[in-house]
N, C-alpha and C. Protein backbone atom coordinates (compact mmCIF):
# COMPACT_ATOMS: atom_id res chain seq x y z
N MET A 1 -13.78 13.98 14.90
CA MET A 1 -12.81 13.08 15.45
C MET A 1 -13.51 11.49 15.28
N PRO A 2 -14.79 11.46 16.13
CA PRO A 2 -15.35 9.99 16.05
C PRO A 2 -15.53 9.64 14.77
N PHE A 3 -16.24 10.62 13.81
CA PHE A 3 -16.44 9.99 12.30
C PHE A 3 -15.16 9.71 11.80
N PHE A 4 -13.89 10.28 11.75
CA PHE A 4 -12.56 9.83 11.54
C PHE A 4 -12.54 8.50 12.04
N LEU A 5 -12.38 8.31 13.00
CA LEU A 5 -12.24 6.81 13.79
C LEU A 5 -13.12 5.75 13.06
N LEU A 6 -14.23 5.96 13.08
CA LEU A 6 -15.17 5.47 12.42
C LEU A 6 -14.78 4.96 10.91
N ALA A 7 -14.49 5.89 10.26
CA ALA A 7 -14.04 5.73 8.86
C ALA A 7 -12.71 5.03 8.65
N ASP A 8 -11.91 5.47 9.80
CA ASP A 8 -10.82 4.56 9.70
C ASP A 8 -11.00 3.00 9.74
N ALA A 9 -11.82 2.51 10.89
CA ALA A 9 -12.09 1.30 11.08
C ALA A 9 -12.64 0.48 9.75
N LEU A 10 -14.04 1.35 9.24
CA LEU A 10 -14.60 0.66 8.10
C LEU A 10 -13.56 0.49 6.83
N MET A 11 -12.82 1.57 6.76
CA MET A 11 -11.66 1.07 5.59
C MET A 11 -10.92 -0.08 5.94
N ASP A 12 -10.33 -0.58 7.00
CA ASP A 12 -9.51 -1.56 7.65
C ASP A 12 -10.34 -2.58 7.32
N LYS A 13 -11.66 -2.78 7.74
CA LYS A 13 -12.46 -4.00 7.73
C LYS A 13 -12.63 -4.21 6.35
N GLY A 14 -13.05 -3.02 5.28
CA GLY A 14 -13.55 -3.45 4.27
C GLY A 14 -12.45 -3.75 3.11
N GLY A 15 -11.10 -3.92 3.46
CA GLY A 15 -10.11 -4.03 2.84
C GLY A 15 -9.31 -3.09 1.89
N ILE A 16 -9.84 -1.81 2.18
CA ILE A 16 -9.33 -0.46 1.31
C ILE A 16 -7.58 -0.72 1.33
N PRO A 17 -7.01 -0.65 2.78
CA PRO A 17 -5.59 -0.37 2.63
C PRO A 17 -4.88 -1.87 1.77
N ARG A 18 -5.78 -3.06 1.65
CA ARG A 18 -5.03 -4.03 0.60
C ARG A 18 -4.99 -3.54 -0.79
N ARG A 19 -6.19 -2.71 -1.32
CA ARG A 19 -5.96 -2.48 -2.61
C ARG A 19 -5.19 -1.01 -2.83
N LEU A 20 -4.68 -0.39 -1.56
CA LEU A 20 -4.05 0.73 -2.12
C LEU A 20 -2.43 -0.13 -2.04
N ILE A 21 -2.13 -0.76 -1.35
CA ILE A 21 -1.10 -1.60 -1.39
C ILE A 21 -0.48 -2.30 -2.63
N ASN A 22 -1.65 -2.98 -3.17
CA ASN A 22 -1.54 -3.57 -4.52
C ASN A 22 -1.20 -2.62 -5.57
N LEU A 23 -1.91 -1.87 -5.72
CA LEU A 23 -1.20 -0.40 -6.65
C LEU A 23 -0.11 -0.15 -6.37
N ALA A 24 0.39 0.32 -5.30
CA ALA A 24 1.60 0.77 -4.85
C ALA A 24 2.46 -0.19 -5.51
N ASN A 25 2.27 -1.83 -5.07
CA ASN A 25 3.06 -2.42 -5.27
C ASN A 25 3.46 -2.72 -6.71
N ALA A 26 2.10 -2.50 -7.57
CA ALA A 26 2.60 -2.54 -9.17
C ALA A 26 3.33 -1.31 -9.61
N LEU A 27 3.15 -0.10 -8.99
CA LEU A 27 3.89 0.90 -9.69
C LEU A 27 5.39 0.97 -9.28
N VAL A 28 5.86 0.29 -8.13
CA VAL A 28 7.23 0.48 -7.46
C VAL A 28 8.20 -0.44 -7.09
N ARG A 29 7.50 -1.77 -7.26
CA ARG A 29 7.99 -3.19 -6.72
C ARG A 29 9.59 -3.41 -7.23
N TRP A 30 9.42 -2.90 -8.76
CA TRP A 30 10.50 -3.53 -9.61
C TRP A 30 11.99 -2.92 -9.14
N ILE A 31 12.05 -1.29 -8.78
CA ILE A 31 13.12 -0.99 -8.45
C ILE A 31 13.75 -1.33 -7.20
N SER A 32 14.92 -1.07 -7.35
CA SER A 32 16.01 -1.63 -6.04
C SER A 32 15.38 -1.14 -4.88
N GLY A 33 15.08 -1.95 -3.95
CA GLY A 33 14.51 -1.53 -2.54
C GLY A 33 12.85 -1.45 -2.67
N GLY A 34 12.26 -1.95 -4.13
CA GLY A 34 11.08 -1.79 -4.21
C GLY A 34 10.00 -1.88 -3.06
N LEU A 35 10.08 -2.99 -2.34
CA LEU A 35 9.48 -2.70 -1.00
C LEU A 35 9.23 -1.92 -0.38
N ALA A 36 10.42 -1.34 0.08
CA ALA A 36 10.57 -0.37 0.88
C ALA A 36 9.88 1.23 0.27
N MET A 37 10.18 1.38 -0.92
CA MET A 37 9.48 2.30 -1.47
C MET A 37 8.08 2.24 -1.85
N LEU A 38 7.77 0.97 -1.80
CA LEU A 38 6.17 0.75 -1.78
C LEU A 38 5.60 1.06 -0.34
N SER A 39 6.27 0.66 0.74
CA SER A 39 5.49 1.17 1.92
C SER A 39 5.57 2.48 2.00
N VAL A 40 6.39 3.26 1.21
CA VAL A 40 6.34 4.88 1.55
C VAL A 40 5.17 5.14 0.90
N VAL A 41 5.01 4.50 -0.75
CA VAL A 41 3.93 4.81 -1.58
C VAL A 41 2.70 4.68 -0.85
N ALA A 42 2.51 3.52 -0.37
CA ALA A 42 1.31 3.10 0.38
C ALA A 42 0.86 3.94 1.56
N SER A 43 1.80 4.39 2.53
CA SER A 43 1.60 5.33 3.28
C SER A 43 0.98 6.70 2.67
N MET A 44 1.58 7.38 1.80
CA MET A 44 0.98 8.56 1.05
C MET A 44 -0.32 8.22 0.83
N PHE A 45 -0.58 7.11 0.10
CA PHE A 45 -1.86 6.91 -0.31
C PHE A 45 -2.75 6.88 0.80
N PHE A 46 -2.61 6.10 2.00
CA PHE A 46 -3.41 6.05 2.93
C PHE A 46 -3.51 7.17 3.80
N ALA A 47 -2.46 8.07 3.45
CA ALA A 47 -2.56 9.44 4.35
C ALA A 47 -3.71 10.18 3.84
N GLY A 48 -3.62 10.25 2.58
CA GLY A 48 -4.73 10.77 1.92
C GLY A 48 -6.08 10.55 2.19
N ILE A 49 -6.53 9.59 2.99
CA ILE A 49 -7.81 9.02 3.39
C ILE A 49 -7.87 8.85 4.80
N SER A 50 -6.77 8.51 5.50
CA SER A 50 -7.35 8.40 6.87
C SER A 50 -7.30 9.64 7.83
N GLY A 51 -6.12 10.34 7.54
CA GLY A 51 -6.08 11.56 8.06
C GLY A 51 -5.33 11.19 9.70
N SER A 52 -4.85 10.02 9.90
CA SER A 52 -4.48 9.71 11.14
C SER A 52 -3.07 9.23 10.97
N ALA A 53 -1.87 9.32 11.62
CA ALA A 53 -0.62 8.73 11.49
C ALA A 53 -0.52 7.27 11.90
N ALA A 54 -1.59 7.00 13.23
CA ALA A 54 -1.68 5.80 14.06
C ALA A 54 -2.20 4.87 12.77
N ALA A 55 -3.45 5.39 12.20
CA ALA A 55 -4.18 4.38 11.40
C ALA A 55 -3.40 4.01 10.14
N ASP A 56 -2.65 5.05 9.88
CA ASP A 56 -1.74 4.78 8.43
C ASP A 56 -0.55 4.05 8.84
N SER A 57 -0.08 3.91 10.10
CA SER A 57 1.07 3.09 9.97
C SER A 57 0.50 1.77 10.40
N ALA A 58 -0.50 1.67 11.13
CA ALA A 58 -1.02 0.35 11.73
C ALA A 58 -1.48 -0.21 10.50
N ALA A 59 -2.18 0.00 9.52
CA ALA A 59 -2.64 -0.70 8.23
C ALA A 59 -1.36 -1.04 7.27
N VAL A 60 -0.60 -0.17 7.12
CA VAL A 60 0.44 -0.50 6.32
C VAL A 60 1.62 -1.25 6.78
N SER A 61 1.83 -1.42 8.10
CA SER A 61 2.78 -2.33 8.84
C SER A 61 2.33 -3.79 9.04
N SER A 62 0.93 -3.87 8.91
CA SER A 62 0.72 -5.17 9.22
C SER A 62 0.63 -5.95 7.82
N VAL A 63 0.99 -5.27 6.70
CA VAL A 63 1.09 -6.05 5.45
C VAL A 63 2.50 -5.92 5.07
N MET A 64 3.19 -5.01 5.12
CA MET A 64 4.12 -4.56 4.63
C MET A 64 5.58 -5.28 5.62
N ILE A 65 5.45 -5.08 6.86
CA ILE A 65 6.73 -5.73 7.60
C ILE A 65 7.01 -7.48 7.60
N PRO A 66 6.09 -8.05 7.53
CA PRO A 66 6.24 -9.31 7.36
C PRO A 66 6.53 -9.44 5.74
N ALA A 67 6.02 -8.84 4.70
CA ALA A 67 6.50 -8.92 3.41
C ALA A 67 8.00 -8.81 3.13
N MET A 68 8.37 -7.66 3.89
CA MET A 68 9.69 -6.97 3.81
C MET A 68 10.60 -8.18 4.22
N ALA A 69 10.35 -8.52 5.55
CA ALA A 69 10.93 -9.66 6.13
C ALA A 69 11.03 -10.71 5.45
N LYS A 70 10.24 -11.08 5.08
CA LYS A 70 10.12 -12.26 4.18
C LYS A 70 11.46 -12.26 3.01
N LYS A 71 11.18 -10.93 2.22
CA LYS A 71 12.14 -10.61 1.36
C LYS A 71 13.83 -10.55 1.79
N GLY A 72 14.05 -10.54 3.06
CA GLY A 72 15.23 -10.32 3.36
C GLY A 72 15.63 -8.90 4.11
N TYR A 73 14.66 -8.26 4.30
CA TYR A 73 14.93 -6.88 4.69
C TYR A 73 15.06 -6.81 6.33
N ALA A 74 15.97 -5.76 6.87
CA ALA A 74 15.97 -5.95 8.33
C ALA A 74 14.70 -5.63 8.87
N LYS A 75 14.18 -5.95 10.28
CA LYS A 75 12.79 -5.76 10.66
C LYS A 75 12.75 -4.51 11.11
N ASP A 76 13.88 -3.91 11.92
CA ASP A 76 14.25 -2.50 12.53
C ASP A 76 14.14 -1.82 11.18
N PHE A 77 14.74 -1.91 10.21
CA PHE A 77 14.53 -1.02 9.02
C PHE A 77 13.00 -0.59 8.73
N ALA A 78 12.62 -1.70 8.13
CA ALA A 78 11.18 -1.95 7.92
C ALA A 78 10.19 -1.19 8.92
N ALA A 79 10.54 -1.39 10.06
CA ALA A 79 9.48 -0.87 11.02
C ALA A 79 9.90 0.81 11.12
N ALA A 80 10.96 1.22 11.06
CA ALA A 80 11.35 2.46 11.29
C ALA A 80 11.09 3.26 10.05
N LEU A 81 11.08 2.86 8.60
CA LEU A 81 10.80 3.29 7.68
C LEU A 81 9.44 3.43 7.35
N ILE A 82 8.42 2.61 8.05
CA ILE A 82 6.79 2.74 7.95
C ILE A 82 6.35 3.54 9.29
N ALA A 83 7.31 3.83 10.46
CA ALA A 83 6.81 4.73 11.28
C ALA A 83 6.98 6.17 10.81
N CYS A 84 7.97 6.31 10.39
CA CYS A 84 8.35 7.47 9.52
C CYS A 84 7.37 8.33 8.82
N ALA A 85 7.08 7.07 7.61
CA ALA A 85 6.10 7.38 6.26
C ALA A 85 4.82 7.37 7.12
N GLY A 86 4.21 7.07 8.05
CA GLY A 86 2.88 7.23 8.89
C GLY A 86 2.74 8.49 9.34
N THR A 87 3.83 9.36 9.44
CA THR A 87 3.66 10.59 10.04
C THR A 87 3.09 11.54 8.84
N ILE A 88 3.44 11.09 7.60
CA ILE A 88 2.85 12.06 6.61
C ILE A 88 1.03 12.18 6.97
N GLY A 89 0.68 11.22 7.58
CA GLY A 89 -0.83 11.42 7.55
C GLY A 89 -1.16 12.45 8.54
N THR A 90 -0.23 12.97 9.42
CA THR A 90 -0.78 14.27 10.39
C THR A 90 -0.33 15.52 9.42
N ILE A 91 0.35 15.67 8.37
CA ILE A 91 0.61 16.82 7.32
C ILE A 91 -0.53 16.83 6.19
N PHE A 92 -0.54 15.71 5.62
CA PHE A 92 -1.56 15.46 4.40
C PHE A 92 -2.54 15.36 4.44
N PRO A 93 -3.39 16.34 3.90
CA PRO A 93 -4.94 16.32 4.02
C PRO A 93 -5.54 15.03 3.53
N PRO A 94 -6.56 14.62 4.29
CA PRO A 94 -7.31 15.43 5.32
C PRO A 94 -6.59 14.95 6.68
N SER A 95 -5.82 15.78 7.41
CA SER A 95 -5.33 15.86 8.75
C SER A 95 -6.15 15.90 9.84
N ILE A 96 -6.26 15.00 10.71
CA ILE A 96 -7.21 15.13 11.92
C ILE A 96 -6.49 16.27 12.59
N PRO A 97 -5.03 16.08 12.83
CA PRO A 97 -4.54 17.17 13.86
C PRO A 97 -4.89 18.71 12.95
N MET A 98 -5.08 18.76 12.01
CA MET A 98 -4.95 20.17 11.51
C MET A 98 -6.72 20.64 11.57
N ILE A 99 -7.37 19.52 11.62
CA ILE A 99 -8.88 19.86 11.48
C ILE A 99 -9.11 20.43 13.17
N VAL A 100 -8.32 19.42 14.13
CA VAL A 100 -8.50 19.89 15.71
C VAL A 100 -7.78 21.64 15.64
N TYR A 101 -6.64 21.70 15.12
CA TYR A 101 -5.80 22.98 15.41
C TYR A 101 -7.07 24.24 14.59
N GLY A 102 -7.69 24.00 13.44
CA GLY A 102 -8.28 25.03 12.82
C GLY A 102 -9.48 25.18 13.75
N VAL A 103 -10.06 24.19 14.27
CA VAL A 103 -11.32 24.54 15.18
C VAL A 103 -10.85 25.23 16.26
N THR A 104 -10.06 24.98 16.88
CA THR A 104 -9.49 25.43 18.41
C THR A 104 -8.92 27.07 18.03
N ARG A 105 -8.17 27.08 16.91
CA ARG A 105 -7.65 28.46 16.93
C ARG A 105 -8.29 29.17 15.73
N GLY A 106 -9.24 28.70 15.24
CA GLY A 106 -10.04 29.79 14.53
C GLY A 106 -9.56 29.69 13.10
N THR A 107 -8.67 29.01 12.60
CA THR A 107 -7.97 28.98 11.38
C THR A 107 -8.86 28.19 10.54
N SER A 108 -8.70 28.99 9.31
CA SER A 108 -9.32 28.24 7.92
C SER A 108 -8.82 26.67 7.88
N ILE A 109 -9.20 25.54 7.91
CA ILE A 109 -9.02 24.13 7.81
C ILE A 109 -8.90 24.11 6.12
N GLY A 110 -9.49 24.51 5.34
CA GLY A 110 -8.89 24.51 4.01
C GLY A 110 -7.51 24.79 3.62
N ALA A 111 -7.36 26.17 4.21
CA ALA A 111 -5.95 26.91 3.87
C ALA A 111 -5.02 25.78 4.53
N LEU A 112 -5.22 25.04 5.68
CA LEU A 112 -4.19 24.32 6.56
C LEU A 112 -3.90 23.32 5.25
N PHE A 113 -5.02 22.60 4.75
CA PHE A 113 -4.81 21.53 3.86
C PHE A 113 -4.23 21.72 2.61
N ILE A 114 -4.45 23.21 2.27
CA ILE A 114 -3.86 23.39 1.00
C ILE A 114 -2.15 23.45 1.45
N ALA A 115 -2.06 24.06 2.85
CA ALA A 115 -0.32 24.15 3.09
C ALA A 115 0.30 22.71 3.40
N GLY A 116 -0.65 21.65 3.82
CA GLY A 116 0.02 20.71 3.71
C GLY A 116 0.55 19.88 2.68
N VAL A 117 -0.07 20.04 1.55
CA VAL A 117 -0.11 19.32 0.52
C VAL A 117 1.51 19.03 -0.11
N VAL A 118 2.11 20.20 -0.26
CA VAL A 118 3.60 19.88 -0.66
C VAL A 118 4.42 19.49 0.31
N PRO A 119 4.48 19.89 1.52
CA PRO A 119 5.44 19.34 2.39
C PRO A 119 4.99 17.81 2.57
N GLY A 120 3.95 17.12 2.42
CA GLY A 120 3.49 15.91 2.39
C GLY A 120 4.17 15.10 1.42
N VAL A 121 3.87 15.68 0.27
CA VAL A 121 4.77 14.79 -0.95
C VAL A 121 6.29 15.13 -0.74
N LEU A 122 6.95 15.93 -0.43
CA LEU A 122 8.41 16.06 -0.27
C LEU A 122 8.71 15.38 0.95
N MET A 123 8.15 14.89 2.05
CA MET A 123 8.47 13.99 2.85
C MET A 123 8.43 12.68 2.13
N GLY A 124 7.24 12.59 1.50
CA GLY A 124 7.49 10.66 1.12
C GLY A 124 8.55 10.62 -0.13
N LEU A 125 8.81 11.81 -0.93
CA LEU A 125 9.99 11.68 -1.65
C LEU A 125 11.09 11.58 -1.23
N ALA A 126 11.25 12.37 -0.26
CA ALA A 126 12.65 12.38 0.68
C ALA A 126 12.65 10.79 1.37
N LEU A 127 11.43 10.14 2.03
CA LEU A 127 11.89 8.89 2.43
C LEU A 127 11.81 7.54 1.48
N MET A 128 11.29 8.15 0.33
CA MET A 128 11.76 7.13 -0.62
C MET A 128 13.08 7.11 -1.33
N ALA A 129 13.72 8.15 -1.48
CA ALA A 129 15.12 8.62 -1.45
C ALA A 129 16.05 7.78 -0.50
N HIS A 130 15.50 7.98 0.38
CA HIS A 130 16.31 7.48 1.70
C HIS A 130 16.36 5.94 1.68
N ALA A 131 15.28 5.07 1.17
CA ALA A 131 14.78 3.70 1.16
C ALA A 131 15.69 3.16 -0.27
N TYR A 132 15.49 4.05 -0.89
CA TYR A 132 16.47 3.35 -2.31
C TYR A 132 17.85 3.50 -2.21
N ALA A 133 18.28 4.65 -1.38
CA ALA A 133 19.76 4.63 -1.08
C ALA A 133 20.37 3.53 -0.25
N VAL A 134 19.60 3.10 0.97
CA VAL A 134 19.75 2.01 2.10
C VAL A 134 19.76 0.78 1.18
N SER A 135 18.56 0.69 0.33
CA SER A 135 18.33 -0.72 -0.13
C SER A 135 19.53 -1.17 -1.11
N ARG A 136 20.08 0.07 -1.80
CA ARG A 136 21.53 -0.34 -2.86
C ARG A 136 22.39 -0.69 -1.90
N GLN A 137 22.64 0.09 -0.66
CA GLN A 137 23.74 -0.09 0.11
C GLN A 137 23.70 -1.65 0.66
N ARG A 138 22.64 -2.11 1.09
CA ARG A 138 22.67 -3.52 1.62
C ARG A 138 22.10 -4.45 0.92
N GLY A 139 21.72 -4.22 -0.48
CA GLY A 139 21.38 -5.28 -1.66
C GLY A 139 20.34 -5.81 -1.47
N TYR A 140 19.06 -4.86 -1.02
CA TYR A 140 17.39 -5.16 -1.10
C TYR A 140 17.31 -5.00 -2.63
N SER A 141 17.00 -6.02 -3.28
CA SER A 141 16.76 -5.62 -4.90
C SER A 141 15.20 -5.74 -5.21
N GLY A 142 15.11 -5.30 -6.22
CA GLY A 142 13.48 -5.32 -6.64
C GLY A 142 13.11 -6.75 -6.97
N VAL A 143 11.77 -6.65 -7.14
CA VAL A 143 11.14 -7.85 -8.16
C VAL A 143 10.78 -7.57 -9.15
N ALA A 144 10.02 -8.77 -9.86
CA ALA A 144 9.55 -8.81 -10.99
C ALA A 144 8.74 -7.51 -11.92
N PHE A 145 9.29 -6.99 -12.77
CA PHE A 145 8.62 -5.61 -13.45
C PHE A 145 7.36 -6.33 -13.61
N PRO A 146 6.04 -5.18 -13.11
CA PRO A 146 4.71 -5.67 -13.62
C PRO A 146 4.37 -5.52 -15.19
N SER A 147 3.27 -6.52 -15.60
CA SER A 147 2.99 -6.08 -16.95
C SER A 147 1.72 -5.07 -16.84
N VAL A 148 1.53 -4.56 -17.98
CA VAL A 148 0.51 -3.29 -18.01
C VAL A 148 -0.75 -4.09 -17.48
N ARG A 149 -1.05 -5.09 -17.88
CA ARG A 149 -2.43 -5.66 -17.57
C ARG A 149 -2.16 -5.59 -15.99
N GLU A 150 -1.12 -5.95 -15.34
CA GLU A 150 -1.38 -6.10 -13.72
C GLU A 150 -1.19 -4.48 -13.05
N VAL A 151 -0.72 -3.71 -13.58
CA VAL A 151 -1.02 -2.45 -13.32
C VAL A 151 -2.38 -1.92 -13.77
N TRP A 152 -3.14 -2.04 -14.47
CA TRP A 152 -4.25 -1.80 -15.02
C TRP A 152 -5.17 -1.98 -13.79
N ARG A 153 -5.04 -3.61 -13.89
CA ARG A 153 -5.97 -4.24 -12.92
C ARG A 153 -5.88 -3.80 -11.52
N ALA A 154 -4.68 -3.22 -11.02
CA ALA A 154 -4.64 -2.81 -9.56
C ALA A 154 -4.79 -1.40 -9.51
N PHE A 155 -4.95 -0.65 -10.51
CA PHE A 155 -5.49 0.59 -10.74
C PHE A 155 -7.00 0.67 -10.56
N ARG A 156 -7.66 -0.18 -11.38
CA ARG A 156 -9.21 -0.42 -11.42
C ARG A 156 -9.65 -0.56 -10.27
N GLU A 157 -8.91 -1.58 -9.42
CA GLU A 157 -9.36 -2.04 -8.15
C GLU A 157 -9.45 -0.71 -7.10
N ALA A 158 -8.38 -0.18 -7.31
CA ALA A 158 -8.36 0.98 -6.53
C ALA A 158 -8.81 2.20 -6.66
N LEU A 159 -9.58 2.49 -7.87
CA LEU A 159 -9.99 3.72 -8.26
C LEU A 159 -10.70 4.33 -7.20
N LEU A 160 -11.71 3.47 -7.13
CA LEU A 160 -12.92 4.20 -6.22
C LEU A 160 -12.35 4.77 -4.85
N THR A 161 -11.59 3.85 -4.20
CA THR A 161 -10.73 4.18 -2.92
C THR A 161 -10.02 5.41 -3.37
N LEU A 162 -9.28 5.61 -4.48
CA LEU A 162 -8.47 7.04 -4.64
C LEU A 162 -9.26 8.16 -4.75
N LEU A 163 -10.85 8.00 -5.02
CA LEU A 163 -11.69 9.02 -5.29
C LEU A 163 -11.99 9.51 -3.93
N MET A 164 -12.02 8.81 -2.72
CA MET A 164 -12.40 9.34 -1.50
C MET A 164 -11.70 10.74 -0.95
N PRO A 165 -10.34 10.72 -1.23
CA PRO A 165 -9.76 12.11 -0.77
C PRO A 165 -10.15 13.27 -1.84
N VAL A 166 -10.60 12.80 -3.24
CA VAL A 166 -10.96 14.36 -3.89
C VAL A 166 -12.27 14.41 -3.12
N ILE A 167 -13.05 13.52 -3.06
CA ILE A 167 -14.55 13.91 -2.42
C ILE A 167 -14.40 14.61 -1.33
N VAL A 168 -13.86 14.04 -0.32
CA VAL A 168 -13.49 14.57 0.97
C VAL A 168 -12.58 15.83 0.92
N VAL A 169 -11.47 16.01 0.44
CA VAL A 169 -10.94 17.26 0.61
C VAL A 169 -11.20 18.14 -0.38
N GLY A 170 -11.83 17.90 -1.78
CA GLY A 170 -12.36 18.73 -2.53
C GLY A 170 -13.51 19.35 -2.02
N GLY A 171 -14.44 18.52 -1.55
CA GLY A 171 -15.38 19.27 -0.98
C GLY A 171 -15.36 20.43 -0.10
N ILE A 172 -14.17 20.08 1.02
CA ILE A 172 -13.98 21.17 2.16
C ILE A 172 -13.22 22.31 1.17
N LEU A 173 -12.43 22.13 0.21
CA LEU A 173 -11.50 23.05 -0.20
C LEU A 173 -12.15 23.83 -1.21
N GLY A 174 -13.49 23.32 -2.00
CA GLY A 174 -14.36 23.89 -2.69
C GLY A 174 -15.56 24.55 -2.13
N GLY A 175 -15.55 24.54 -0.58
CA GLY A 175 -16.74 25.18 0.13
C GLY A 175 -17.94 24.68 0.01
N ILE A 176 -18.07 23.35 -0.64
CA ILE A 176 -19.28 22.76 -0.82
C ILE A 176 -19.73 22.04 0.54
N VAL A 177 -18.90 21.34 1.43
CA VAL A 177 -19.06 20.81 2.78
C VAL A 177 -18.22 21.75 3.70
N ALA A 178 -18.49 21.51 5.10
CA ALA A 178 -17.70 21.76 6.14
C ALA A 178 -16.95 20.60 6.63
N PRO A 179 -15.95 20.62 7.52
CA PRO A 179 -14.78 19.65 7.61
C PRO A 179 -15.71 18.27 8.57
N SER A 180 -16.57 18.82 9.65
CA SER A 180 -17.42 17.76 10.11
C SER A 180 -18.46 17.31 9.19
N GLU A 181 -18.89 17.71 8.08
CA GLU A 181 -19.54 17.02 7.24
C GLU A 181 -18.90 16.08 6.21
N ALA A 182 -17.65 16.72 5.61
CA ALA A 182 -16.79 15.68 5.26
C ALA A 182 -16.54 14.57 5.67
N THR A 183 -16.12 14.26 7.41
CA THR A 183 -15.78 13.07 7.96
C THR A 183 -16.77 12.12 7.59
N ALA A 184 -18.25 12.78 7.78
CA ALA A 184 -19.08 12.18 7.79
C ALA A 184 -19.65 11.59 6.40
N ILE A 185 -19.23 12.05 5.37
CA ILE A 185 -19.01 11.75 3.93
C ILE A 185 -18.04 10.42 3.78
N ALA A 186 -16.90 10.58 4.63
CA ALA A 186 -15.96 9.53 4.44
C ALA A 186 -16.48 8.45 4.97
N VAL A 187 -17.26 8.67 6.20
CA VAL A 187 -18.06 7.06 6.90
C VAL A 187 -18.89 6.40 5.71
N PHE A 188 -19.80 7.29 5.31
CA PHE A 188 -20.89 6.38 4.06
C PHE A 188 -20.23 6.24 3.08
N TYR A 189 -19.12 6.86 2.62
CA TYR A 189 -18.58 6.24 1.15
C TYR A 189 -17.62 4.96 1.78
N SER A 190 -17.05 5.11 2.83
CA SER A 190 -16.42 3.67 3.40
C SER A 190 -17.28 2.78 3.47
N LEU A 191 -18.50 2.98 4.02
CA LEU A 191 -19.69 1.89 4.01
C LEU A 191 -19.96 1.45 2.72
N PHE A 192 -20.30 2.56 1.67
CA PHE A 192 -20.49 2.02 0.26
C PHE A 192 -19.35 1.15 -0.44
N LEU A 193 -18.37 1.47 -0.20
CA LEU A 193 -17.01 0.49 -0.83
C LEU A 193 -17.17 -0.63 -0.20
N GLY A 194 -16.97 -0.60 1.25
CA GLY A 194 -16.97 -2.03 1.74
C GLY A 194 -18.07 -2.98 1.95
N GLY A 195 -19.13 -2.34 1.83
CA GLY A 195 -20.26 -3.09 1.99
C GLY A 195 -21.00 -3.32 0.95
N LEU A 196 -21.06 -2.52 -0.21
CA LEU A 196 -21.81 -2.63 -1.32
C LEU A 196 -21.13 -3.05 -2.48
N VAL A 197 -19.77 -2.34 -2.54
CA VAL A 197 -18.99 -2.29 -3.99
C VAL A 197 -18.17 -3.72 -3.69
N ASP A 198 -17.48 -3.62 -2.86
CA ASP A 198 -16.36 -4.81 -2.58
C ASP A 198 -17.06 -6.03 -1.99
N ARG A 199 -18.01 -5.90 -0.79
CA ARG A 199 -18.50 -6.77 -0.30
C ARG A 199 -17.41 -7.39 0.61
N GLU A 200 -16.75 -6.71 1.43
CA GLU A 200 -15.87 -7.57 2.35
C GLU A 200 -15.87 -6.95 3.60
N LEU A 201 -16.85 -5.88 4.00
CA LEU A 201 -17.08 -5.39 4.82
C LEU A 201 -18.43 -6.22 5.71
N ARG A 202 -18.07 -6.65 7.04
CA ARG A 202 -18.98 -7.69 7.90
C ARG A 202 -19.27 -6.45 9.06
N TRP A 203 -21.05 -6.63 9.33
CA TRP A 203 -21.14 -6.00 10.51
C TRP A 203 -20.64 -6.47 11.77
N SER A 204 -20.44 -7.60 11.87
CA SER A 204 -20.08 -8.50 12.93
C SER A 204 -18.45 -7.72 13.43
N SER A 205 -17.78 -7.23 12.26
CA SER A 205 -16.24 -7.01 12.62
C SER A 205 -16.07 -5.60 13.23
N LEU A 206 -17.14 -4.80 13.09
CA LEU A 206 -17.13 -3.38 13.41
C LEU A 206 -16.85 -3.13 14.94
N PRO A 207 -17.58 -3.66 15.71
CA PRO A 207 -17.42 -3.34 17.03
C PRO A 207 -15.70 -3.49 17.55
N GLY A 208 -15.14 -4.77 17.16
CA GLY A 208 -13.61 -4.93 17.36
C GLY A 208 -12.82 -3.82 16.71
N GLY A 209 -13.23 -3.70 15.23
CA GLY A 209 -12.59 -2.69 14.50
C GLY A 209 -12.64 -1.10 15.48
N CYS A 210 -13.57 -0.74 15.79
CA CYS A 210 -13.91 0.64 16.39
C CYS A 210 -13.20 0.44 17.64
N TYR A 211 -13.00 -0.42 18.42
CA TYR A 211 -12.47 -0.34 19.67
C TYR A 211 -10.87 -0.61 19.51
N LYS A 212 -10.49 -1.08 18.60
CA LYS A 212 -9.07 -1.03 18.45
C LYS A 212 -8.62 0.44 17.76
N ARG A 213 -9.37 1.03 17.08
CA ARG A 213 -8.98 2.22 16.59
C ARG A 213 -9.29 3.40 17.67
N ALA A 214 -10.11 3.27 18.59
CA ALA A 214 -10.24 4.26 19.69
C ALA A 214 -9.22 3.80 20.70
N SER A 215 -8.87 2.67 20.94
CA SER A 215 -7.56 2.32 21.73
C SER A 215 -6.41 2.89 21.17
N ALA A 216 -6.03 2.53 19.85
CA ALA A 216 -5.12 3.43 19.19
C ALA A 216 -4.76 4.71 19.52
N ARG A 217 -5.88 5.61 19.34
CA ARG A 217 -6.19 7.21 19.26
C ARG A 217 -6.12 7.57 20.66
N GLY A 218 -6.45 7.15 21.63
CA GLY A 218 -6.14 7.04 23.01
C GLY A 218 -4.95 7.09 23.43
N SER A 219 -3.88 6.03 22.94
CA SER A 219 -2.67 5.68 23.24
C SER A 219 -1.72 6.90 22.68
């Protein structure tokens, strides 16, 4: 748990959520209700990294709710959609509640992770369908169709971030590392991305970020 909270703080301060949102934006923004569907896709991306519904919702809402409000989306719709999409983080691996349940009940955490993949994807698709239907009804149109170069640039910037769930979850499912070791890997990988690759992570910002994550988890 402490390692996951630290990894969440490192990812937030290292700009990882922004790169995931940029990729999701390039993929679905052109569809009717594209920003609403973008919020769901971004939540699914982040769920595969953070393992936390609170971290998922906080990271996506801070960027997407203002953006949706600026484009004419109702704030209550935007907030409700992102809150619902954030719950994917409790189901989709690596899920902190699944780890806690597996440890306390002696259940295979790898098996729990496998069981959460399909329900998590179905939840995301259902929320995207709902967002599309509501957006068509209320007239929330999409924005400009992205160019191939723009999609490729967003994918390239997010590629190393997308490898994190592959490394963490794949390591657990493959029997290479234990869940506790996987969380430590998530911390070091977040440090690597934010501090060395993207160079957006500042040591001075860590205490406040860790406190913010711990407070959210405690509430």
